[in-house]
Amino acid sequence: MIKKAFGSTRPKDIVVDLMTFDRLLTKPVIHLIYWAGLALIALGLFAVLGGTVGIAMREEMPWGIFLAIPFLIGGLLFLVAAMLLWRSFCEFYVAIFRIADDLRALRAVSEGALPVAEPAASPVFTAPTETPAAETVDSNDILENPFFVPNKAD
């Protein structure tokens, strides 16, 4: 894990990367932060469920349930919104650090440290431009020529 995060296991390289900010530490740590935040949101779920049961038990029976249901629905909606916001917050930071990595790679290419890769071929399929001769394809056989439009005069 250390080699993946820092690119080396030598303590000197790790310290130099940390002190010069050549290697960003937050990128591998953001996953731990994300899961810790989800654990806190899960604790919030238990708080909402406990509050719902507490409201239902404190009031008289039919009214306690009527008061607890909106609290449960509102709490669950809030927790879903919190999960989405937490995920987007963490994705924002991951995107920022990926941009920093891309800029570092672009800087290395412009300085001549890395070779420039050839552009990839276009993934778009282009159909052949040649069409079969009219004599070889039966004009009534749609399976042979799916682009055949029959004439109304035939």
N, C-alpha and C. Protein backbone atom coordinates (compact mmCIF):
# COMPACT_ATOMS: atom_id res chain seq x y z
N MET A 1 0.83 -1.19 0.00
CA MET A 1 0.00 0.00 0.00
C MET A 1 0.88 1.26 0.00
N ILE A 2 1.98 1.20 0.73
CA ILE A 2 2.87 2.36 0.78
C ILE A 2 3.50 2.60 -0.58
N LYS A 3 3.89 1.51 -1.25
CA LYS A 3 4.50 1.66 -2.57
C LYS A 3 3.48 2.22 -3.57
N LYS A 4 2.22 1.81 -3.44
CA LYS A 4 1.18 2.33 -4.33
C LYS A 4 0.94 3.81 -4.08
N ALA A 5 0.95 4.23 -2.83
CA ALA A 5 0.67 5.63 -2.50
C ALA A 5 1.84 6.54 -2.81
N PHE A 6 3.07 6.07 -2.55
CA PHE A 6 4.23 6.95 -2.69
C PHE A 6 5.15 6.60 -3.85
N GLY A 7 4.95 5.45 -4.46
CA GLY A 7 5.80 5.06 -5.57
C GLY A 7 7.12 4.46 -5.15
N SER A 8 7.42 4.45 -3.86
CA SER A 8 8.67 3.91 -3.35
C SER A 8 8.47 3.54 -1.89
N THR A 9 9.30 2.60 -1.42
CA THR A 9 9.22 2.23 -0.01
C THR A 9 10.41 2.74 0.78
N ARG A 10 11.31 3.45 0.12
CA ARG A 10 12.46 4.01 0.84
C ARG A 10 12.01 5.21 1.67
N PRO A 11 12.36 5.24 2.94
CA PRO A 11 11.92 6.35 3.80
C PRO A 11 12.37 7.72 3.28
N LYS A 12 13.56 7.80 2.70
CA LYS A 12 14.05 9.09 2.19
C LYS A 12 13.14 9.60 1.08
N ASP A 13 12.74 8.73 0.15
CA ASP A 13 11.85 9.15 -0.94
C ASP A 13 10.49 9.58 -0.43
N ILE A 14 9.99 8.86 0.57
CA ILE A 14 8.68 9.21 1.13
C ILE A 14 8.73 10.57 1.82
N VAL A 15 9.76 10.82 2.61
CA VAL A 15 9.89 12.10 3.31
C VAL A 15 10.07 13.24 2.32
N VAL A 16 10.89 13.03 1.30
CA VAL A 16 11.11 14.09 0.30
C VAL A 16 9.81 14.39 -0.44
N ASP A 17 9.06 13.35 -0.81
CA ASP A 17 7.78 13.58 -1.49
C ASP A 17 6.79 14.32 -0.60
N LEU A 18 6.75 13.99 0.67
CA LEU A 18 5.83 14.67 1.59
C LEU A 18 6.24 16.11 1.86
N MET A 19 7.53 16.35 1.99
CA MET A 19 7.99 17.70 2.32
C MET A 19 7.93 18.66 1.13
N THR A 20 8.03 18.13 -0.08
CA THR A 20 8.02 19.00 -1.27
C THR A 20 6.66 19.02 -1.96
N PHE A 21 5.70 18.29 -1.45
CA PHE A 21 4.35 18.19 -2.04
C PHE A 21 4.39 17.66 -3.46
N ASP A 22 5.40 16.86 -3.79
CA ASP A 22 5.43 16.23 -5.10
C ASP A 22 4.42 15.09 -5.17
N ARG A 23 4.17 14.45 -4.07
CA ARG A 23 3.19 13.37 -4.01
C ARG A 23 2.07 13.82 -3.08
N LEU A 24 0.84 13.77 -3.56
CA LEU A 24 -0.29 14.22 -2.76
C LEU A 24 -0.80 13.06 -1.90
N LEU A 25 -0.91 13.29 -0.62
CA LEU A 25 -1.27 12.24 0.32
C LEU A 25 -2.78 12.06 0.44
N THR A 26 -3.54 13.06 0.14
CA THR A 26 -4.98 13.01 0.36
C THR A 26 -5.68 12.03 -0.57
N LYS A 27 -5.13 11.82 -1.76
CA LYS A 27 -5.79 10.92 -2.71
C LYS A 27 -5.97 9.51 -2.16
N PRO A 28 -4.96 8.86 -1.59
CA PRO A 28 -5.22 7.53 -1.03
C PRO A 28 -6.01 7.57 0.28
N VAL A 29 -5.99 8.68 0.97
CA VAL A 29 -6.66 8.76 2.28
C VAL A 29 -8.15 9.09 2.12
N ILE A 30 -8.55 9.66 0.98
CA ILE A 30 -9.94 10.10 0.83
C ILE A 30 -10.92 8.93 0.91
N HIS A 31 -10.50 7.72 0.53
CA HIS A 31 -11.39 6.57 0.63
C HIS A 31 -11.69 6.24 2.09
N LEU A 32 -10.69 6.35 2.94
CA LEU A 32 -10.92 6.12 4.37
C LEU A 32 -11.84 7.19 4.95
N ILE A 33 -11.66 8.41 4.53
CA ILE A 33 -12.51 9.51 4.99
C ILE A 33 -13.95 9.28 4.54
N TYR A 34 -14.12 8.81 3.30
CA TYR A 34 -15.46 8.55 2.78
C TYR A 34 -16.18 7.49 3.62
N TRP A 35 -15.49 6.38 3.90
CA TRP A 35 -16.13 5.32 4.67
C TRP A 35 -16.39 5.76 6.11
N ALA A 36 -15.54 6.57 6.68
CA ALA A 36 -15.78 7.09 8.03
C ALA A 36 -17.02 7.98 8.04
N GLY A 37 -17.19 8.79 7.01
CA GLY A 37 -18.39 9.62 6.90
C GLY A 37 -19.65 8.79 6.75
N LEU A 38 -19.57 7.72 5.96
CA LEU A 38 -20.74 6.84 5.83
C LEU A 38 -21.07 6.16 7.15
N ALA A 39 -20.05 5.85 7.95
CA ALA A 39 -20.31 5.26 9.27
C ALA A 39 -21.04 6.26 10.16
N LEU A 40 -20.68 7.52 10.09
CA LEU A 40 -21.38 8.54 10.88
C LEU A 40 -22.82 8.71 10.40
N ILE A 41 -23.03 8.62 9.11
CA ILE A 41 -24.40 8.71 8.58
C ILE A 41 -25.20 7.49 9.03
N ALA A 42 -24.58 6.31 9.10
CA ALA A 42 -25.26 5.12 9.61
C ALA A 42 -25.64 5.30 11.08
N LEU A 43 -24.78 5.95 11.86
CA LEU A 43 -25.14 6.26 13.25
C LEU A 43 -26.34 7.19 13.30
N GLY A 44 -26.41 8.12 12.35
CA GLY A 44 -27.58 8.99 12.25
C GLY A 44 -28.84 8.20 11.95
N LEU A 45 -28.71 7.14 11.14
CA LEU A 45 -29.85 6.28 10.86
C LEU A 45 -30.37 5.63 12.14
N PHE A 46 -29.45 5.15 12.98
CA PHE A 46 -29.87 4.55 14.25
C PHE A 46 -30.51 5.60 15.15
N ALA A 47 -30.03 6.83 15.11
CA ALA A 47 -30.63 7.90 15.91
C ALA A 47 -32.05 8.19 15.44
N VAL A 48 -32.26 8.20 14.13
CA VAL A 48 -33.61 8.44 13.60
C VAL A 48 -34.54 7.31 13.99
N LEU A 49 -34.07 6.07 13.87
CA LEU A 49 -34.92 4.95 14.26
C LEU A 49 -35.23 4.96 15.76
N GLY A 50 -34.25 5.29 16.59
CA GLY A 50 -34.48 5.38 18.03
C GLY A 50 -35.43 6.51 18.38
N GLY A 51 -35.29 7.64 17.72
CA GLY A 51 -36.21 8.75 17.95
C GLY A 51 -37.62 8.41 17.54
N THR A 52 -37.76 7.68 16.44
CA THR A 52 -39.09 7.28 15.98
C THR A 52 -39.76 6.35 16.99
N VAL A 53 -39.00 5.38 17.48
CA VAL A 53 -39.56 4.47 18.49
C VAL A 53 -39.88 5.23 19.77
N GLY A 54 -39.02 6.17 20.17
CA GLY A 54 -39.27 6.96 21.37
C GLY A 54 -40.52 7.81 21.26
N ILE A 55 -40.74 8.43 20.11
CA ILE A 55 -41.95 9.23 19.91
C ILE A 55 -43.18 8.34 19.93
N ALA A 56 -43.09 7.18 19.28
CA ALA A 56 -44.24 6.28 19.21
C ALA A 56 -44.60 5.74 20.59
N MET A 57 -43.60 5.50 21.45
CA MET A 57 -43.88 4.92 22.76
C MET A 57 -44.31 5.97 23.78
N ARG A 58 -43.89 7.22 23.62
CA ARG A 58 -44.20 8.24 24.61
C ARG A 58 -45.65 8.70 24.53
N GLU A 59 -46.18 8.78 23.35
CA GLU A 59 -47.57 9.24 23.19
C GLU A 59 -48.52 8.05 23.30
N GLU A 60 -49.81 8.38 23.35
CA GLU A 60 -50.81 7.31 23.36
C GLU A 60 -50.73 6.57 22.03
N MET A 61 -51.20 5.34 22.01
CA MET A 61 -50.92 4.44 20.91
C MET A 61 -51.29 4.94 19.51
N PRO A 62 -52.51 5.32 19.19
CA PRO A 62 -52.71 5.70 17.78
C PRO A 62 -52.02 7.01 17.42
N TRP A 63 -51.96 7.97 18.37
CA TRP A 63 -51.36 9.26 18.05
C TRP A 63 -49.83 9.18 18.01
N GLY A 64 -49.26 8.30 18.78
CA GLY A 64 -47.81 8.14 18.77
C GLY A 64 -47.31 7.64 17.42
N ILE A 65 -48.04 6.72 16.82
CA ILE A 65 -47.64 6.22 15.50
C ILE A 65 -47.83 7.31 14.45
N PHE A 66 -48.93 8.07 14.56
CA PHE A 66 -49.15 9.15 13.60
C PHE A 66 -48.08 10.24 13.69
N LEU A 67 -47.55 10.47 14.87
CA LEU A 67 -46.47 11.45 15.03
C LEU A 67 -45.12 10.89 14.62
N ALA A 68 -44.93 9.58 14.80
CA ALA A 68 -43.63 8.96 14.51
C ALA A 68 -43.39 8.76 13.02
N ILE A 69 -44.44 8.52 12.25
CA ILE A 69 -44.27 8.24 10.81
C ILE A 69 -43.67 9.44 10.07
N PRO A 70 -44.17 10.68 10.26
CA PRO A 70 -43.51 11.80 9.56
C PRO A 70 -42.07 12.01 10.01
N PHE A 71 -41.80 11.77 11.30
CA PHE A 71 -40.42 11.89 11.78
C PHE A 71 -39.52 10.86 11.11
N LEU A 72 -40.00 9.64 10.95
CA LEU A 72 -39.23 8.59 10.29
C LEU A 72 -38.99 8.93 8.81
N ILE A 73 -40.02 9.35 8.11
CA ILE A 73 -39.89 9.68 6.68
C ILE A 73 -38.96 10.86 6.50
N GLY A 74 -39.13 11.90 7.30
CA GLY A 74 -38.26 13.07 7.21
C GLY A 74 -36.81 12.74 7.53
N GLY A 75 -36.61 11.92 8.56
CA GLY A 75 -35.25 11.52 8.92
C GLY A 75 -34.58 10.70 7.84
N LEU A 76 -35.32 9.77 7.24
CA LEU A 76 -34.76 8.95 6.17
C LEU A 76 -34.44 9.79 4.93
N LEU A 77 -35.32 10.74 4.60
CA LEU A 77 -35.03 11.62 3.46
C LEU A 77 -33.79 12.47 3.73
N PHE A 78 -33.66 12.94 4.95
CA PHE A 78 -32.48 13.72 5.31
C PHE A 78 -31.21 12.87 5.20
N LEU A 79 -31.28 11.62 5.64
CA LEU A 79 -30.10 10.75 5.59
C LEU A 79 -29.73 10.40 4.15
N VAL A 80 -30.72 10.20 3.29
CA VAL A 80 -30.43 9.94 1.87
C VAL A 80 -29.76 11.15 1.25
N ALA A 81 -30.28 12.34 1.56
CA ALA A 81 -29.67 13.57 1.04
C ALA A 81 -28.25 13.74 1.59
N ALA A 82 -28.04 13.39 2.85
CA ALA A 82 -26.71 13.49 3.44
C ALA A 82 -25.74 12.52 2.77
N MET A 83 -26.20 11.31 2.45
CA MET A 83 -25.34 10.35 1.76
C MET A 83 -24.95 10.85 0.37
N LEU A 84 -25.91 11.41 -0.35
CA LEU A 84 -25.62 11.93 -1.69
C LEU A 84 -24.66 13.12 -1.63
N LEU A 85 -24.87 14.01 -0.68
CA LEU A 85 -23.98 15.16 -0.54
C LEU A 85 -22.57 14.73 -0.13
N TRP A 86 -22.47 13.76 0.78
CA TRP A 86 -21.17 13.28 1.22
C TRP A 86 -20.43 12.62 0.06
N ARG A 87 -21.16 11.83 -0.74
CA ARG A 87 -20.54 11.18 -1.90
C ARG A 87 -20.06 12.24 -2.90
N SER A 88 -20.87 13.23 -3.18
CA SER A 88 -20.47 14.26 -4.14
C SER A 88 -19.30 15.09 -3.61
N PHE A 89 -19.27 15.34 -2.32
CA PHE A 89 -18.17 16.07 -1.69
C PHE A 89 -16.86 15.29 -1.86
N CYS A 90 -16.90 14.00 -1.59
CA CYS A 90 -15.68 13.17 -1.73
C CYS A 90 -15.29 13.02 -3.20
N GLU A 91 -16.25 12.87 -4.09
CA GLU A 91 -15.93 12.78 -5.52
C GLU A 91 -15.31 14.09 -6.03
N PHE A 92 -15.75 15.21 -5.49
CA PHE A 92 -15.16 16.49 -5.87
C PHE A 92 -13.67 16.51 -5.53
N TYR A 93 -13.33 16.07 -4.33
CA TYR A 93 -11.93 16.06 -3.94
C TYR A 93 -11.11 15.06 -4.77
N VAL A 94 -11.68 13.91 -5.08
CA VAL A 94 -10.98 12.95 -5.93
C VAL A 94 -10.75 13.56 -7.31
N ALA A 95 -11.75 14.25 -7.85
CA ALA A 95 -11.60 14.88 -9.17
C ALA A 95 -10.52 15.96 -9.14
N ILE A 96 -10.46 16.74 -8.08
CA ILE A 96 -9.44 17.78 -7.97
C ILE A 96 -8.04 17.15 -7.95
N PHE A 97 -7.87 16.07 -7.22
CA PHE A 97 -6.55 15.44 -7.16
C PHE A 97 -6.20 14.74 -8.47
N ARG A 98 -7.20 14.23 -9.17
CA ARG A 98 -6.91 13.64 -10.50
C ARG A 98 -6.51 14.74 -11.49
N ILE A 99 -7.11 15.89 -11.38
CA ILE A 99 -6.71 17.01 -12.24
C ILE A 99 -5.26 17.39 -11.94
N ALA A 100 -4.91 17.38 -10.66
CA ALA A 100 -3.52 17.69 -10.29
C ALA A 100 -2.56 16.65 -10.88
N ASP A 101 -2.94 15.37 -10.86
CA ASP A 101 -2.10 14.33 -11.47
C ASP A 101 -1.98 14.53 -12.98
N ASP A 102 -3.09 14.88 -13.62
CA ASP A 102 -3.05 15.11 -15.07
C ASP A 102 -2.17 16.31 -15.42
N LEU A 103 -2.27 17.36 -14.62
CA LEU A 103 -1.42 18.52 -14.86
C LEU A 103 0.05 18.19 -14.67
N ARG A 104 0.35 17.37 -13.68
CA ARG A 104 1.73 16.95 -13.46
C ARG A 104 2.24 16.14 -14.66
N ALA A 105 1.38 15.26 -15.22
CA ALA A 105 1.77 14.47 -16.39
C ALA A 105 1.94 15.37 -17.61
N LEU A 106 1.07 16.35 -17.78
CA LEU A 106 1.21 17.28 -18.90
C LEU A 106 2.49 18.09 -18.78
N ARG A 107 2.81 18.50 -17.57
CA ARG A 107 4.04 19.25 -17.36
C ARG A 107 5.26 18.38 -17.69
N ALA A 108 5.22 17.10 -17.32
CA ALA A 108 6.33 16.19 -17.62
C ALA A 108 6.46 15.97 -19.13
N VAL A 109 5.34 15.89 -19.85
CA VAL A 109 5.39 15.72 -21.30
C VAL A 109 5.94 16.97 -21.96
N SER A 110 5.51 18.15 -21.49
CA SER A 110 5.98 19.39 -22.11
C SER A 110 7.46 19.64 -21.84
N GLU A 111 7.97 19.13 -20.72
CA GLU A 111 9.38 19.28 -20.42
C GLU A 111 10.23 18.21 -21.11
N GLY A 112 9.58 17.26 -21.77
CA GLY A 112 10.31 16.23 -22.49
C GLY A 112 10.69 15.04 -21.65
N ALA A 113 10.18 14.93 -20.44
CA ALA A 113 10.54 13.81 -19.57
C ALA A 113 9.82 12.53 -19.99
N LEU A 114 8.64 12.66 -20.58
CA LEU A 114 7.88 11.50 -21.00
C LEU A 114 7.62 11.57 -22.50
N PRO A 115 7.60 10.44 -23.18
CA PRO A 115 7.28 10.46 -24.61
C PRO A 115 5.79 10.71 -24.81
N VAL A 116 5.46 11.34 -25.91
CA VAL A 116 4.07 11.63 -26.24
C VAL A 116 3.48 10.39 -26.92
N ALA A 117 2.35 9.93 -26.43
CA ALA A 117 1.71 8.75 -26.98
C ALA A 117 0.99 9.10 -28.28
N GLU A 118 0.93 8.13 -29.16
CA GLU A 118 0.19 8.31 -30.42
C GLU A 118 -1.30 8.33 -30.11
N PRO A 119 -2.05 9.14 -30.82
CA PRO A 119 -3.50 9.15 -30.57
C PRO A 119 -4.12 7.81 -30.96
N ALA A 120 -5.12 7.42 -30.23
CA ALA A 120 -5.80 6.15 -30.48
C ALA A 120 -6.66 6.26 -31.72
N ALA A 121 -6.91 5.12 -32.34
CA ALA A 121 -7.79 5.09 -33.51
C ALA A 121 -9.21 5.40 -33.07
N SER A 122 -9.99 5.92 -33.99
CA SER A 122 -11.36 6.29 -33.70
C SER A 122 -12.18 5.04 -33.42
N PRO A 123 -12.93 5.02 -32.30
CA PRO A 123 -13.73 3.84 -31.99
C PRO A 123 -15.03 3.78 -32.77
N VAL A 124 -15.31 4.79 -33.59
CA VAL A 124 -16.56 4.84 -34.33
C VAL A 124 -16.45 3.94 -35.55
N PHE A 125 -17.41 3.05 -35.72
CA PHE A 125 -17.41 2.15 -36.86
C PHE A 125 -17.94 2.88 -38.07
N THR A 126 -17.24 2.78 -39.18
CA THR A 126 -17.72 3.35 -40.43
C THR A 126 -18.01 2.20 -41.38
N ALA A 127 -19.19 2.20 -41.96
CA ALA A 127 -19.61 1.14 -42.86
C ALA A 127 -18.87 1.26 -44.18
N PRO A 128 -18.65 0.15 -44.86
CA PRO A 128 -18.01 0.24 -46.17
C PRO A 128 -18.86 1.04 -47.14
N THR A 129 -18.19 1.77 -48.01
CA THR A 129 -18.92 2.64 -48.94
C THR A 129 -19.35 1.90 -50.20
N GLU A 130 -18.76 0.74 -50.48
CA GLU A 130 -19.15 -0.01 -51.66
C GLU A 130 -20.46 -0.72 -51.41
N THR A 131 -21.35 -0.69 -52.38
CA THR A 131 -22.62 -1.41 -52.27
C THR A 131 -22.61 -2.55 -53.27
N PRO A 132 -23.26 -3.64 -52.94
CA PRO A 132 -23.27 -4.76 -53.88
C PRO A 132 -24.01 -4.39 -55.16
N ALA A 133 -23.62 -5.03 -56.22
CA ALA A 133 -24.26 -4.76 -57.52
C ALA A 133 -25.72 -5.15 -57.47
N ALA A 134 -26.54 -4.45 -58.23
CA ALA A 134 -27.98 -4.70 -58.23
C ALA A 134 -28.31 -6.07 -58.77
N GLU A 135 -27.45 -6.63 -59.64
CA GLU A 135 -27.74 -7.93 -60.21
C GLU A 135 -27.56 -9.04 -59.19
N THR A 136 -26.65 -8.87 -58.24
CA THR A 136 -26.36 -9.94 -57.30
C THR A 136 -27.34 -9.98 -56.14
N VAL A 137 -28.06 -8.91 -55.88
CA VAL A 137 -28.99 -8.87 -54.75
C VAL A 137 -30.41 -8.85 -55.28
N ASP A 138 -31.20 -9.78 -54.77
CA ASP A 138 -32.60 -9.81 -55.15
C ASP A 138 -33.29 -8.61 -54.51
N SER A 139 -34.00 -7.82 -55.29
CA SER A 139 -34.60 -6.59 -54.78
C SER A 139 -35.73 -6.86 -53.79
N ASN A 140 -36.28 -8.06 -53.77
CA ASN A 140 -37.36 -8.38 -52.85
C ASN A 140 -36.85 -9.01 -51.56
N ASP A 141 -35.58 -9.36 -51.50
CA ASP A 141 -35.03 -10.02 -50.33
C ASP A 141 -34.48 -8.96 -49.36
N ILE A 142 -35.26 -8.62 -48.37
CA ILE A 142 -34.87 -7.57 -47.43
C ILE A 142 -33.75 -8.04 -46.53
N LEU A 143 -33.64 -9.34 -46.28
CA LEU A 143 -32.57 -9.84 -45.43
C LEU A 143 -31.21 -9.65 -46.07
N GLU A 144 -31.13 -9.68 -47.40
CA GLU A 144 -29.86 -9.48 -48.08
C GLU A 144 -29.47 -8.00 -48.12
N ASN A 145 -30.44 -7.13 -48.21
CA ASN A 145 -30.17 -5.70 -48.30
C ASN A 145 -31.12 -4.97 -47.34
N PRO A 146 -30.69 -4.71 -46.10
CA PRO A 146 -31.61 -4.10 -45.13
C PRO A 146 -31.93 -2.65 -45.45
N PHE A 147 -31.19 -2.02 -46.34
CA PHE A 147 -31.44 -0.62 -46.68
C PHE A 147 -32.28 -0.50 -47.95
N PHE A 148 -32.80 -1.59 -48.43
CA PHE A 148 -33.61 -1.60 -49.64
C PHE A 148 -34.98 -1.04 -49.34
N VAL A 149 -35.40 -0.08 -50.15
CA VAL A 149 -36.73 0.49 -50.06
C VAL A 149 -37.46 0.12 -51.33
N PRO A 150 -38.47 -0.71 -51.25
CA PRO A 150 -39.15 -1.13 -52.47
C PRO A 150 -39.90 0.02 -53.12
N ASN A 151 -39.90 0.02 -54.44
CA ASN A 151 -40.64 1.03 -55.19
C ASN A 151 -42.11 0.67 -55.19
N LYS A 152 -42.97 1.64 -55.16
CA LYS A 152 -44.39 1.40 -55.17
C LYS A 152 -44.85 0.94 -56.55
N ALA A 153 -44.06 1.25 -57.59
CA ALA A 153 -44.43 0.87 -58.94
C ALA A 153 -44.26 -0.62 -59.19
N ASP A 154 -43.40 -1.31 -58.41
CA ASP A 154 -43.17 -2.75 -58.63
C ASP A 154 -44.34 -3.56 -58.27
